[in-house]
C-alpha atoms as a PDB file:
ATOM      1  CA  UNK A   1      70.550 100.736 103.130  1.00  0.00           C
ATOM      2  CA  UNK A   2      70.710  97.104 103.408  1.00  0.00           C
ATOM      3  CA  UNK A   3      72.173  96.897 106.837  1.00  0.00           C
ATOM      4  CA  UNK A   4      73.787  93.339 106.258  1.00  0.00           C
ATOM      5  CA  UNK A   5      75.061  91.829 109.206  1.00  0.00           C
ATOM      6  CA  UNK A   6      77.662  89.340 107.870  1.00  0.00           C
ATOM      7  CA  UNK A   7      81.390  88.449 107.834  1.00  0.00           C
ATOM      8  CA  UNK A   8      81.380  88.729 103.914  1.00  0.00           C
ATOM      9  CA  UNK A   9      84.404  90.239 102.537  1.00  0.00           C
ATOM     10  CA  UNK A  10      85.499  91.248  98.977  1.00  0.00           C
ATOM     11  CA  UNK A  11      87.083  88.522  97.202  1.00  0.00           C
ATOM     12  CA  UNK A  12      88.142  90.718  94.116  1.00  0.00           C
ATOM     13  CA  UNK A  13      91.888  90.676  93.047  1.00  0.00           C
ATOM     14  CA  UNK A  14      93.869  92.512  90.244  1.00  0.00           C
ATOM     15  CA  UNK A  15      93.237  90.651  86.825  1.00  0.00           C
ATOM     16  CA  UNK A  16      96.403  92.156  85.223  1.00  0.00           C
ATOM     17  CA  UNK A  17      98.342  89.048  85.402  1.00  0.00           C
ATOM     18  CA  UNK A  18      95.785  86.281  84.021  1.00  0.00           C
ATOM     19  CA  UNK A  19      94.458  88.897  81.267  1.00  0.00           C
ATOM     20  CA  UNK A  20      98.250  90.245  80.123  1.00  0.00           C
ATOM     21  CA  UNK A  21      98.725  86.537  78.981  1.00  0.00           C
ATOM     22  CA  UNK A  22      95.951  86.840  76.366  1.00  0.00           C
ATOM     23  CA  UNK A  23      97.333  89.813  74.869  1.00  0.00           C
ATOM     24  CA  UNK A  24      99.419  87.587  72.515  1.00  0.00           C
ATOM     25  CA  UNK A  25      96.153  86.648  70.889  1.00  0.00           C
ATOM     26  CA  UNK A  26      96.314  89.914  69.133  1.00  0.00           C
ATOM     27  CA  UNK A  27      93.160  90.653  67.101  1.00  0.00           C
ATOM     28  CA  UNK A  28      91.715  87.317  67.786  1.00  0.00           C
ATOM     29  CA  UNK A  29      91.140  88.474  71.386  1.00  0.00           C
ATOM     30  CA  UNK A  30      87.669  90.189  70.884  1.00  0.00           C
ATOM     31  CA  UNK A  31      85.959  90.391  74.058  1.00  0.00           C
ATOM     32  CA  UNK A  32      86.736  90.570  77.737  1.00  0.00           C
ATOM     33  CA  UNK A  33      84.885  91.449  80.571  1.00  0.00           C
ATOM     34  CA  UNK A  34      85.109  91.311  84.515  1.00  0.00           C
ATOM     35  CA  UNK A  35      82.022  90.032  85.897  1.00  0.00           C
ATOM     36  CA  UNK A  36      82.473  91.373  89.527  1.00  0.00           C
ATOM     37  CA  UNK A  37      81.754  94.843  88.298  1.00  0.00           C
ATOM     38  CA  UNK A  38      78.538  94.511  86.924  1.00  0.00           C
ATOM     39  CA  UNK A  39      77.568  90.806  87.882  1.00  0.00           C
ATOM     40  CA  UNK A  40      77.197  87.680  85.694  1.00  0.00           C
ATOM     41  CA  UNK A  41      73.844  88.515  84.226  1.00  0.00           C
ATOM     42  CA  UNK A  42      75.290  91.959  82.828  1.00  0.00           C
ATOM     43  CA  UNK A  43      78.325  90.303  81.474  1.00  0.00           C
ATOM     44  CA  UNK A  44      76.233  87.708  79.760  1.00  0.00           C
ATOM     45  CA  UNK A  45      73.915  90.311  78.400  1.00  0.00           C
ATOM     46  CA  UNK A  46      76.732  92.052  76.738  1.00  0.00           C
ATOM     47  CA  UNK A  47      77.929  88.920  74.913  1.00  0.00           C
ATOM     48  CA  UNK A  48      74.541  88.032  73.556  1.00  0.00           C
ATOM     49  CA  UNK A  49      73.845  91.714  72.354  1.00  0.00           C
ATOM     50  CA  UNK A  50      77.471  91.722  70.693  1.00  0.00           C
ATOM     51  CA  UNK A  51      77.304  88.365  69.244  1.00  0.00           C
ATOM     52  CA  UNK A  52      73.449  87.508  68.539  1.00  0.00           C
ATOM     53  CA  UNK A  53      74.056  84.203  70.659  1.00  0.00           C
ATOM     54  CA  UNK A  54      71.794  82.950  73.102  1.00  0.00           C
ATOM     55  CA  UNK A  55      73.098  81.777  76.726  1.00  0.00           C
ATOM     56  CA  UNK A  56      71.255  79.420  78.868  1.00  0.00           C
ATOM     57  CA  UNK A  57      72.171  79.067  82.389  1.00  0.00           C
ATOM     58  CA  UNK A  58      71.957  76.286  84.906  1.00  0.00           C
ATOM     59  CA  UNK A  59      71.275  78.218  88.169  1.00  0.00           C
ATOM     60  CA  UNK A  60      72.114  75.416  90.341  1.00  0.00           C
ATOM     61  CA  UNK A  61      75.597  75.138  88.859  1.00  0.00           C
ATOM     62  CA  UNK A  62      76.649  78.835  89.765  1.00  0.00           C
ATOM     63  CA  UNK A  63      78.477  79.020  92.918  1.00  0.00           C
ATOM     64  CA  UNK A  64      76.877  81.579  95.184  1.00  0.00           C
ATOM     65  CA  UNK A  65      77.672  81.839  98.858  1.00  0.00           C
ATOM     66  CA  UNK A  66      75.095  81.722 101.424  1.00  0.00           C
ATOM     67  CA  UNK A  67      75.891  85.372 102.626  1.00  0.00           C
ATOM     68  CA  UNK A  68      75.711  86.695  99.201  1.00  0.00           C
ATOM     69  CA  UNK A  69      72.436  84.683  98.255  1.00  0.00           C
ATOM     70  CA  UNK A  70      70.796  86.164 101.382  1.00  0.00           C
ATOM     71  CA  UNK A  71      71.773  89.768 100.206  1.00  0.00           C
END
């Protein structure tokens, strides 16, 4: 019930083409995620949980459209 008034449109697109080029990596390809489904934070959280690594983000460097930030 956000009642957003914006011309915001989805910018999602199929990833089959770009992702299929990675299949040649075989077992070396160990992890792929689409952050448009659960968000960047969820994707990075999954990465840190699986690898034990730490991620530090520079919030100012993440491009977010004004309409999205407003929501």
